[in-house]
Amino acid sequence: MGLRGWIKRLERDAREEMIEIPQQDGAVKRFPQSAGMEAFMALMDGRDHPLAEAARNSSEREWTHSFYSAFPIDEDIEDLSE
């Protein structure tokens, strides 16, 4: 296997471990698997996360109707936790 084939195989293996979210403009946003939990925890804390933003801007229903896009961030909500 030549260098080019070896590099392509490495790229393919790396993509299998990534979360890929297609965007409305045709681009694809990629995140490591650990970003899923980070995004979920950020949303539970009322913060936004790049993965959640990508889910809201996705061209696929699977992402736009996922729990990642179910929590719109509203900065005007009063914090009653204290």
PDB file of N, CA and C in Angstrom:
ATOM      1  N   MET A   1       0.859  -1.180   0.000  1.00  0.00           N
ATOM      2  CA  MET A   1       0.000   0.000   0.000  1.00  0.00           C
ATOM      3  C   MET A   1       0.897   1.232   0.000  1.00  0.00           C
ATOM      4  N   GLY A   2       0.606   2.127  -0.913  1.00  0.00           N
ATOM      5  CA  GLY A   2       1.395   3.345  -1.018  1.00  0.00           C
ATOM      6  C   GLY A   2       1.024   4.358   0.051  1.00  0.00           C
ATOM      7  N   LEU A   3       1.788   5.404   0.093  1.00  0.00           N
ATOM      8  CA  LEU A   3       1.564   6.468   1.077  1.00  0.00           C
ATOM      9  C   LEU A   3       0.168   7.081   0.934  1.00  0.00           C
ATOM     10  N   ARG A   4      -0.254   7.306  -0.290  1.00  0.00           N
ATOM     11  CA  ARG A   4      -1.565   7.913  -0.532  1.00  0.00           C
ATOM     12  C   ARG A   4      -2.688   7.019   0.000  1.00  0.00           C
ATOM     13  N   GLY A   5      -2.614   5.721  -0.264  1.00  0.00           N
ATOM     14  CA  GLY A   5      -3.618   4.778   0.234  1.00  0.00           C
ATOM     15  C   GLY A   5      -3.620   4.701   1.749  1.00  0.00           C
ATOM     16  N   TRP A   6      -2.440   4.761   2.341  1.00  0.00           N
ATOM     17  CA  TRP A   6      -2.314   4.712   3.799  1.00  0.00           C
ATOM     18  C   TRP A   6      -2.959   5.951   4.437  1.00  0.00           C
ATOM     19  N   ILE A   7      -2.734   7.110   3.843  1.00  0.00           N
ATOM     20  CA  ILE A   7      -3.319   8.349   4.360  1.00  0.00           C
ATOM     21  C   ILE A   7      -4.840   8.314   4.226  1.00  0.00           C
ATOM     22  N   LYS A   8      -5.333   7.837   3.089  1.00  0.00           N
ATOM     23  CA  LYS A   8      -6.789   7.742   2.899  1.00  0.00           C
ATOM     24  C   LYS A   8      -7.408   6.806   3.933  1.00  0.00           C
ATOM     25  N   ARG A   9      -6.745   5.700   4.224  1.00  0.00           N
ATOM     26  CA  ARG A   9      -7.257   4.770   5.224  1.00  0.00           C
ATOM     27  C   ARG A   9      -7.293   5.416   6.608  1.00  0.00           C
ATOM     28  N   LEU A  10      -6.261   6.161   6.959  1.00  0.00           N
ATOM     29  CA  LEU A  10      -6.235   6.865   8.241  1.00  0.00           C
ATOM     30  C   LEU A  10      -7.363   7.890   8.333  1.00  0.00           C
ATOM     31  N   GLU A  11      -7.589   8.631   7.245  1.00  0.00           N
ATOM     32  CA  GLU A  11      -8.672   9.620   7.228  1.00  0.00           C
ATOM     33  C   GLU A  11     -10.026   8.944   7.389  1.00  0.00           C
ATOM     34  N   ARG A  12     -10.231   7.822   6.700  1.00  0.00           N
ATOM     35  CA  ARG A  12     -11.503   7.097   6.797  1.00  0.00           C
ATOM     36  C   ARG A  12     -11.720   6.576   8.214  1.00  0.00           C
ATOM     37  N   ASP A  13     -10.670   6.023   8.831  1.00  0.00           N
ATOM     38  CA  ASP A  13     -10.785   5.521  10.200  1.00  0.00           C
ATOM     39  C   ASP A  13     -11.082   6.649  11.185  1.00  0.00           C
ATOM     40  N   ALA A  14     -10.482   7.811  10.968  1.00  0.00           N
ATOM     41  CA  ALA A  14     -10.726   8.950  11.853  1.00  0.00           C
ATOM     42  C   ALA A  14     -12.156   9.452  11.717  1.00  0.00           C
ATOM     43  N   ARG A  15     -12.707   9.458  10.502  1.00  0.00           N
ATOM     44  CA  ARG A  15     -14.086   9.915  10.295  1.00  0.00           C
ATOM     45  C   ARG A  15     -15.095   9.003  10.980  1.00  0.00           C
ATOM     46  N   GLU A  16     -14.779   7.706  11.086  1.00  0.00           N
ATOM     47  CA  GLU A  16     -15.690   6.775  11.738  1.00  0.00           C
ATOM     48  C   GLU A  16     -15.863   7.099  13.213  1.00  0.00           C
ATOM     49  N   GLU A  17     -14.899   7.763  13.810  1.00  0.00           N
ATOM     50  CA  GLU A  17     -14.954   8.103  15.224  1.00  0.00           C
ATOM     51  C   GLU A  17     -15.457   9.524  15.461  1.00  0.00           C
ATOM     52  N   MET A  18     -15.934  10.176  14.425  1.00  0.00           N
ATOM     53  CA  MET A  18     -16.390  11.559  14.533  1.00  0.00           C
ATOM     54  C   MET A  18     -17.907  11.634  14.423  1.00  0.00           C
ATOM     55  N   ILE A  19     -18.471  12.648  15.045  1.00  0.00           N
ATOM     56  CA  ILE A  19     -19.880  12.977  14.859  1.00  0.00           C
ATOM     57  C   ILE A  19     -19.928  13.946  13.683  1.00  0.00           C
ATOM     58  N   GLU A  20     -20.656  13.585  12.631  1.00  0.00           N
ATOM     59  CA  GLU A  20     -20.749  14.432  11.440  1.00  0.00           C
ATOM     60  C   GLU A  20     -22.156  14.988  11.324  1.00  0.00           C
ATOM     61  N   ILE A  21     -22.264  16.314  11.232  1.00  0.00           N
ATOM     62  CA  ILE A  21     -23.558  16.978  11.145  1.00  0.00           C
ATOM     63  C   ILE A  21     -23.588  17.803   9.859  1.00  0.00           C
ATOM     64  N   PRO A  22     -24.368  17.371   8.864  1.00  0.00           N
ATOM     65  CA  PRO A  22     -24.469  18.140   7.618  1.00  0.00           C
ATOM     66  C   PRO A  22     -25.189  19.463   7.862  1.00  0.00           C
ATOM     67  N   GLN A  23     -24.713  20.508   7.189  1.00  0.00           N
ATOM     68  CA  GLN A  23     -25.269  21.843   7.364  1.00  0.00           C
ATOM     69  C   GLN A  23     -26.124  22.233   6.163  1.00  0.00           C
ATOM     70  N   GLN A  24     -26.950  23.261   6.344  1.00  0.00           N
ATOM     71  CA  GLN A  24     -27.845  23.715   5.279  1.00  0.00           C
ATOM     72  C   GLN A  24     -27.092  24.247   4.072  1.00  0.00           C
ATOM     73  N   ASP A  25     -25.883  24.753   4.276  1.00  0.00           N
ATOM     74  CA  ASP A  25     -25.110  25.293   3.158  1.00  0.00           C
ATOM     75  C   ASP A  25     -24.289  24.230   2.427  1.00  0.00           C
ATOM     76  N   GLY A  26     -24.436  22.967   2.821  1.00  0.00           N
ATOM     77  CA  GLY A  26     -23.728  21.871   2.168  1.00  0.00           C
ATOM     78  C   GLY A  26     -22.454  21.444   2.875  1.00  0.00           C
ATOM     79  N   ALA A  27     -22.001  22.232   3.815  1.00  0.00           N
ATOM     80  CA  ALA A  27     -20.802  21.873   4.572  1.00  0.00           C
ATOM     81  C   ALA A  27     -21.141  20.773   5.575  1.00  0.00           C
ATOM     82  N   VAL A  28     -20.122  20.184   6.166  1.00  0.00           N
ATOM     83  CA  VAL A  28     -20.301  19.174   7.196  1.00  0.00           C
ATOM     84  C   VAL A  28     -19.475  19.586   8.403  1.00  0.00           C
ATOM     85  N   LYS A  29     -20.111  19.670   9.562  1.00  0.00           N
ATOM     86  CA  LYS A  29     -19.400  19.974  10.806  1.00  0.00           C
ATOM     87  C   LYS A  29     -19.036  18.641  11.449  1.00  0.00           C
ATOM     88  N   ARG A  30     -17.795  18.502  11.902  1.00  0.00           N
ATOM     89  CA  ARG A  30     -17.315  17.276  12.514  1.00  0.00           C
ATOM     90  C   ARG A  30     -16.862  17.556  13.939  1.00  0.00           C
ATOM     91  N   PHE A  31     -17.218  16.639  14.836  1.00  0.00           N
ATOM     92  CA  PHE A  31     -16.871  16.763  16.245  1.00  0.00           C
ATOM     93  C   PHE A  31     -16.394  15.415  16.762  1.00  0.00           C
ATOM     94  N   PRO A  32     -15.475  15.396  17.731  1.00  0.00           N
ATOM     95  CA  PRO A  32     -15.084  14.118  18.337  1.00  0.00           C
ATOM     96  C   PRO A  32     -16.265  13.550  19.137  1.00  0.00           C
ATOM     97  N   GLN A  33     -16.246  12.253  19.380  1.00  0.00           N
ATOM     98  CA  GLN A  33     -17.334  11.613  20.111  1.00  0.00           C
ATOM     99  C   GLN A  33     -17.557  12.264  21.481  1.00  0.00           C
ATOM    100  N   SER A  34     -16.505  12.718  22.135  1.00  0.00           N
ATOM    101  CA  SER A  34     -16.628  13.326  23.458  1.00  0.00           C
ATOM    102  C   SER A  34     -17.437  14.620  23.431  1.00  0.00           C
ATOM    103  N   ALA A  35     -17.555  15.251  22.276  1.00  0.00           N
ATOM    104  CA  ALA A  35     -18.307  16.512  22.179  1.00  0.00           C
ATOM    105  C   ALA A  35     -19.795  16.304  22.415  1.00  0.00           C
ATOM    106  N   GLY A  36     -20.301  15.095  22.190  1.00  0.00           N
ATOM    107  CA  GLY A  36     -21.711  14.831  22.435  1.00  0.00           C
ATOM    108  C   GLY A  36     -22.077  15.040  23.897  1.00  0.00           C
ATOM    109  N   MET A  37     -21.283  14.480  24.801  1.00  0.00           N
ATOM    110  CA  MET A  37     -21.536  14.640  26.233  1.00  0.00           C
ATOM    111  C   MET A  37     -21.269  16.077  26.665  1.00  0.00           C
ATOM    112  N   GLU A  38     -20.230  16.678  26.131  1.00  0.00           N
ATOM    113  CA  GLU A  38     -19.931  18.077  26.467  1.00  0.00           C
ATOM    114  C   GLU A  38     -21.086  18.983  26.061  1.00  0.00           C
ATOM    115  N   ALA A  39     -21.642  18.761  24.885  1.00  0.00           N
ATOM    116  CA  ALA A  39     -22.762  19.578  24.408  1.00  0.00           C
ATOM    117  C   ALA A  39     -23.981  19.379  25.291  1.00  0.00           C
ATOM    118  N   PHE A  40     -24.260  18.140  25.646  1.00  0.00           N
ATOM    119  CA  PHE A  40     -25.405  17.858  26.504  1.00  0.00           C
ATOM    120  C   PHE A  40     -25.260  18.552  27.863  1.00  0.00           C
ATOM    121  N   MET A  41     -24.089  18.446  28.474  1.00  0.00           N
ATOM    122  CA  MET A  41     -23.864  19.080  29.773  1.00  0.00           C
ATOM    123  C   MET A  41     -23.932  20.606  29.670  1.00  0.00           C
ATOM    124  N   ALA A  42     -23.414  21.170  28.599  1.00  0.00           N
ATOM    125  CA  ALA A  42     -23.481  22.619  28.416  1.00  0.00           C
ATOM    126  C   ALA A  42     -24.932  23.068  28.300  1.00  0.00           C
ATOM    127  N   LEU A  43     -25.731  22.340  27.538  1.00  0.00           N
ATOM    128  CA  LEU A  43     -27.138  22.708  27.380  1.00  0.00           C
ATOM    129  C   LEU A  43     -27.900  22.575  28.700  1.00  0.00           C
ATOM    130  N   MET A  44     -27.561  21.584  29.503  1.00  0.00           N
ATOM    131  CA  MET A  44     -28.217  21.428  30.805  1.00  0.00           C
ATOM    132  C   MET A  44     -27.859  22.586  31.745  1.00  0.00           C
ATOM    133  N   ASP A  45     -26.684  23.165  31.536  1.00  0.00           N
ATOM    134  CA  ASP A  45     -26.252  24.318  32.330  1.00  0.00           C
ATOM    135  C   ASP A  45     -26.742  25.634  31.746  1.00  0.00           C
ATOM    136  N   GLY A  46     -27.473  25.580  30.622  1.00  0.00           N
ATOM    137  CA  GLY A  46     -27.991  26.792  30.001  1.00  0.00           C
ATOM    138  C   GLY A  46     -26.989  27.484  29.093  1.00  0.00           C
ATOM    139  N   ARG A  47     -25.921  26.794  28.757  1.00  0.00           N
ATOM    140  CA  ARG A  47     -24.909  27.362  27.861  1.00  0.00           C
ATOM    141  C   ARG A  47     -25.061  26.741  26.487  1.00  0.00           C
ATOM    142  N   ASP A  48     -24.580  27.430  25.482  1.00  0.00           N
ATOM    143  CA  ASP A  48     -24.605  26.898  24.127  1.00  0.00           C
ATOM    144  C   ASP A  48     -23.311  26.125  23.876  1.00  0.00           C
ATOM    145  N   HIS A  49     -23.324  25.335  22.840  1.00  0.00           N
ATOM    146  CA  HIS A  49     -22.152  24.537  22.465  1.00  0.00           C
ATOM    147  C   HIS A  49     -22.109  24.483  20.944  1.00  0.00           C
ATOM    148  N   PRO A  50     -20.922  24.454  20.355  1.00  0.00           N
ATOM    149  CA  PRO A  50     -20.832  24.414  18.887  1.00  0.00           C
ATOM    150  C   PRO A  50     -21.574  23.222  18.268  1.00  0.00           C
ATOM    151  N   LEU A  51     -21.610  22.070  18.944  1.00  0.00           N
ATOM    152  CA  LEU A  51     -22.342  20.930  18.411  1.00  0.00           C
ATOM    153  C   LEU A  51     -23.837  21.213  18.386  1.00  0.00           C
ATOM    154  N   ALA A  52     -24.355  21.848  19.424  1.00  0.00           N
ATOM    155  CA  ALA A  52     -25.780  22.193  19.467  1.00  0.00           C
ATOM    156  C   ALA A  52     -26.121  23.216  18.387  1.00  0.00           C
ATOM    157  N   GLU A  53     -25.245  24.162  18.180  1.00  0.00           N
ATOM    158  CA  GLU A  53     -25.458  25.150  17.108  1.00  0.00           C
ATOM    159  C   GLU A  53     -25.468  24.470  15.750  1.00  0.00           C
ATOM    160  N   ALA A  54     -24.554  23.531  15.547  1.00  0.00           N
ATOM    161  CA  ALA A  54     -24.514  22.787  14.282  1.00  0.00           C
ATOM    162  C   ALA A  54     -25.784  21.954  14.114  1.00  0.00           C
ATOM    163  N   ALA A  55     -26.304  21.376  15.197  1.00  0.00           N
ATOM    164  CA  ALA A  55     -27.542  20.589  15.123  1.00  0.00           C
ATOM    165  C   ALA A  55     -28.718  21.469  14.733  1.00  0.00           C
ATOM    166  N   ARG A  56     -28.782  22.684  15.268  1.00  0.00           N
ATOM    167  CA  ARG A  56     -29.877  23.590  14.925  1.00  0.00           C
ATOM    168  C   ARG A  56     -29.800  24.053  13.469  1.00  0.00           C
ATOM    169  N   ASN A  57     -28.591  24.108  12.900  1.00  0.00           N
ATOM    170  CA  ASN A  57     -28.400  24.558  11.518  1.00  0.00           C
ATOM    171  C   ASN A  57     -28.274  23.404  10.532  1.00  0.00           C
ATOM    172  N   SER A  58     -28.602  22.196  10.970  1.00  0.00           N
ATOM    173  CA  SER A  58     -28.427  21.024  10.123  1.00  0.00           C
ATOM    174  C   SER A  58     -29.486  20.944   9.028  1.00  0.00           C
ATOM    175  N   SER A  59     -29.123  20.265   7.954  1.00  0.00           N
ATOM    176  CA  SER A  59     -30.059  20.038   6.855  1.00  0.00           C
ATOM    177  C   SER A  59     -30.831  18.736   7.041  1.00  0.00           C
ATOM    178  N   GLU A  60     -30.476  17.936   8.057  1.00  0.00           N
ATOM    179  CA  GLU A  60     -31.128  16.653   8.286  1.00  0.00           C
ATOM    180  C   GLU A  60     -32.064  16.717   9.483  1.00  0.00           C
ATOM    181  N   ARG A  61     -33.226  16.148   9.294  1.00  0.00           N
ATOM    182  CA  ARG A  61     -34.244  16.117  10.341  1.00  0.00           C
ATOM    183  C   ARG A  61     -33.749  15.396  11.602  1.00  0.00           C
ATOM    184  N   GLU A  62     -32.907  14.405  11.410  1.00  0.00           N
ATOM    185  CA  GLU A  62     -32.350  13.657  12.537  1.00  0.00           C
ATOM    186  C   GLU A  62     -31.685  14.595  13.549  1.00  0.00           C
ATOM    187  N   TRP A  63     -31.017  15.626  13.054  1.00  0.00           N
ATOM    188  CA  TRP A  63     -30.325  16.570  13.932  1.00  0.00           C
ATOM    189  C   TRP A  63     -31.226  17.727  14.359  1.00  0.00           C
ATOM    190  N   THR A  64     -32.040  18.251  13.442  1.00  0.00           N
ATOM    191  CA  THR A  64     -32.870  19.404  13.804  1.00  0.00           C
ATOM    192  C   THR A  64     -33.963  19.026  14.795  1.00  0.00           C
ATOM    193  N   HIS A  65     -34.313  17.739  14.897  1.00  0.00           N
ATOM    194  CA  HIS A  65     -35.313  17.285  15.854  1.00  0.00           C
ATOM    195  C   HIS A  65     -34.690  16.512  17.019  1.00  0.00           C
ATOM    196  N   SER A  66     -33.390  16.633  17.199  1.00  0.00           N
ATOM    197  CA  SER A  66     -32.715  15.954  18.301  1.00  0.00           C
ATOM    198  C   SER A  66     -32.759  16.831  19.555  1.00  0.00           C
ATOM    199  N   PHE A  67     -32.422  16.245  20.682  1.00  0.00           N
ATOM    200  CA  PHE A  67     -32.434  17.029  21.921  1.00  0.00           C
ATOM    201  C   PHE A  67     -31.347  18.094  21.922  1.00  0.00           C
ATOM    202  N   TYR A  68     -30.334  17.958  21.058  1.00  0.00           N
ATOM    203  CA  TYR A  68     -29.304  18.995  20.971  1.00  0.00           C
ATOM    204  C   TYR A  68     -29.874  20.315  20.458  1.00  0.00           C
ATOM    205  N   SER A  69     -30.889  20.257  19.631  1.00  0.00           N
ATOM    206  CA  SER A  69     -31.476  21.483  19.098  1.00  0.00           C
ATOM    207  C   SER A  69     -32.786  21.836  19.794  1.00  0.00           C
ATOM    208  N   ALA A  70     -33.172  21.079  20.798  1.00  0.00           N
ATOM    209  CA  ALA A  70     -34.446  21.300  21.477  1.00  0.00           C
ATOM    210  C   ALA A  70     -34.378  22.400  22.534  1.00  0.00           C
ATOM    211  N   PHE A  71     -33.197  22.855  22.852  1.00  0.00           N
ATOM    212  CA  PHE A  71     -33.035  23.838  23.913  1.00  0.00           C
ATOM    213  C   PHE A  71     -32.520  25.153  23.349  1.00  0.00           C
ATOM    214  N   PRO A  72     -33.382  26.010  22.868  1.00  0.00           N
ATOM    215  CA  PRO A  72     -32.875  27.302  22.386  1.00  0.00           C
ATOM    216  C   PRO A  72     -32.301  28.106  23.553  1.00  0.00           C
ATOM    217  N   ILE A  73     -31.221  28.734  23.323  1.00  0.00           N
ATOM    218  CA  ILE A  73     -30.571  29.532  24.357  1.00  0.00           C
ATOM    219  C   ILE A  73     -31.229  30.908  24.382  1.00  0.00           C
ATOM    220  N   ASP A  74     -31.786  31.266  25.516  1.00  0.00           N
ATOM    221  CA  ASP A  74     -32.438  32.561  25.687  1.00  0.00           C
ATOM    222  C   ASP A  74     -31.735  33.292  26.819  1.00  0.00           C
ATOM    223  N   GLU A  75     -31.015  34.321  26.493  1.00  0.00           N
ATOM    224  CA  GLU A  75     -30.224  35.063  27.478  1.00  0.00           C
ATOM    225  C   GLU A  75     -31.094  35.867  28.450  1.00  0.00           C
ATOM    226  N   ASP A  76     -32.374  36.070  28.156  1.00  0.00           N
ATOM    227  CA  ASP A  76     -33.225  36.899  29.004  1.00  0.00           C
ATOM    228  C   ASP A  76     -33.886  36.142  30.138  1.00  0.00           C
ATOM    229  N   ILE A  77     -33.588  34.871  30.289  1.00  0.00           N
ATOM    230  CA  ILE A  77     -34.207  34.089  31.357  1.00  0.00           C
ATOM    231  C   ILE A  77     -33.528  34.394  32.677  1.00  0.00           C
ATOM    232  N   GLU A  78     -34.324  34.682  33.691  1.00  0.00           N
ATOM    233  CA  GLU A  78     -33.786  35.005  34.994  1.00  0.00           C
ATOM    234  C   GLU A  78     -33.298  33.732  35.682  1.00  0.00           C
ATOM    235  N   ASP A  79     -32.114  33.780  36.297  1.00  0.00           N
ATOM    236  CA  ASP A  79     -31.554  32.639  37.006  1.00  0.00           C
ATOM    237  C   ASP A  79     -32.155  32.586  38.402  1.00  0.00           C
ATOM    238  N   LEU A  80     -32.971  31.573  38.661  1.00  0.00           N
ATOM    239  CA  LEU A  80     -33.639  31.429  39.962  1.00  0.00           C
ATOM    240  C   LEU A  80     -32.964  30.378  40.828  1.00  0.00           C
ATOM    241  N   SER A  81     -31.784  29.929  40.483  1.00  0.00           N
ATOM    242  CA  SER A  81     -31.125  28.851  41.208  1.00  0.00           C
ATOM    243  C   SER A  81     -30.521  29.280  42.537  1.00  0.00           C
ATOM    244  N   GLU A  82     -30.401  30.550  42.776  1.00  0.00           N
ATOM    245  CA  GLU A  82     -29.746  31.009  44.006  1.00  0.00           C
ATOM    246  C   GLU A  82     -30.735  31.266  45.115  1.00  0.00           C
TER     247      GLU A  82
END
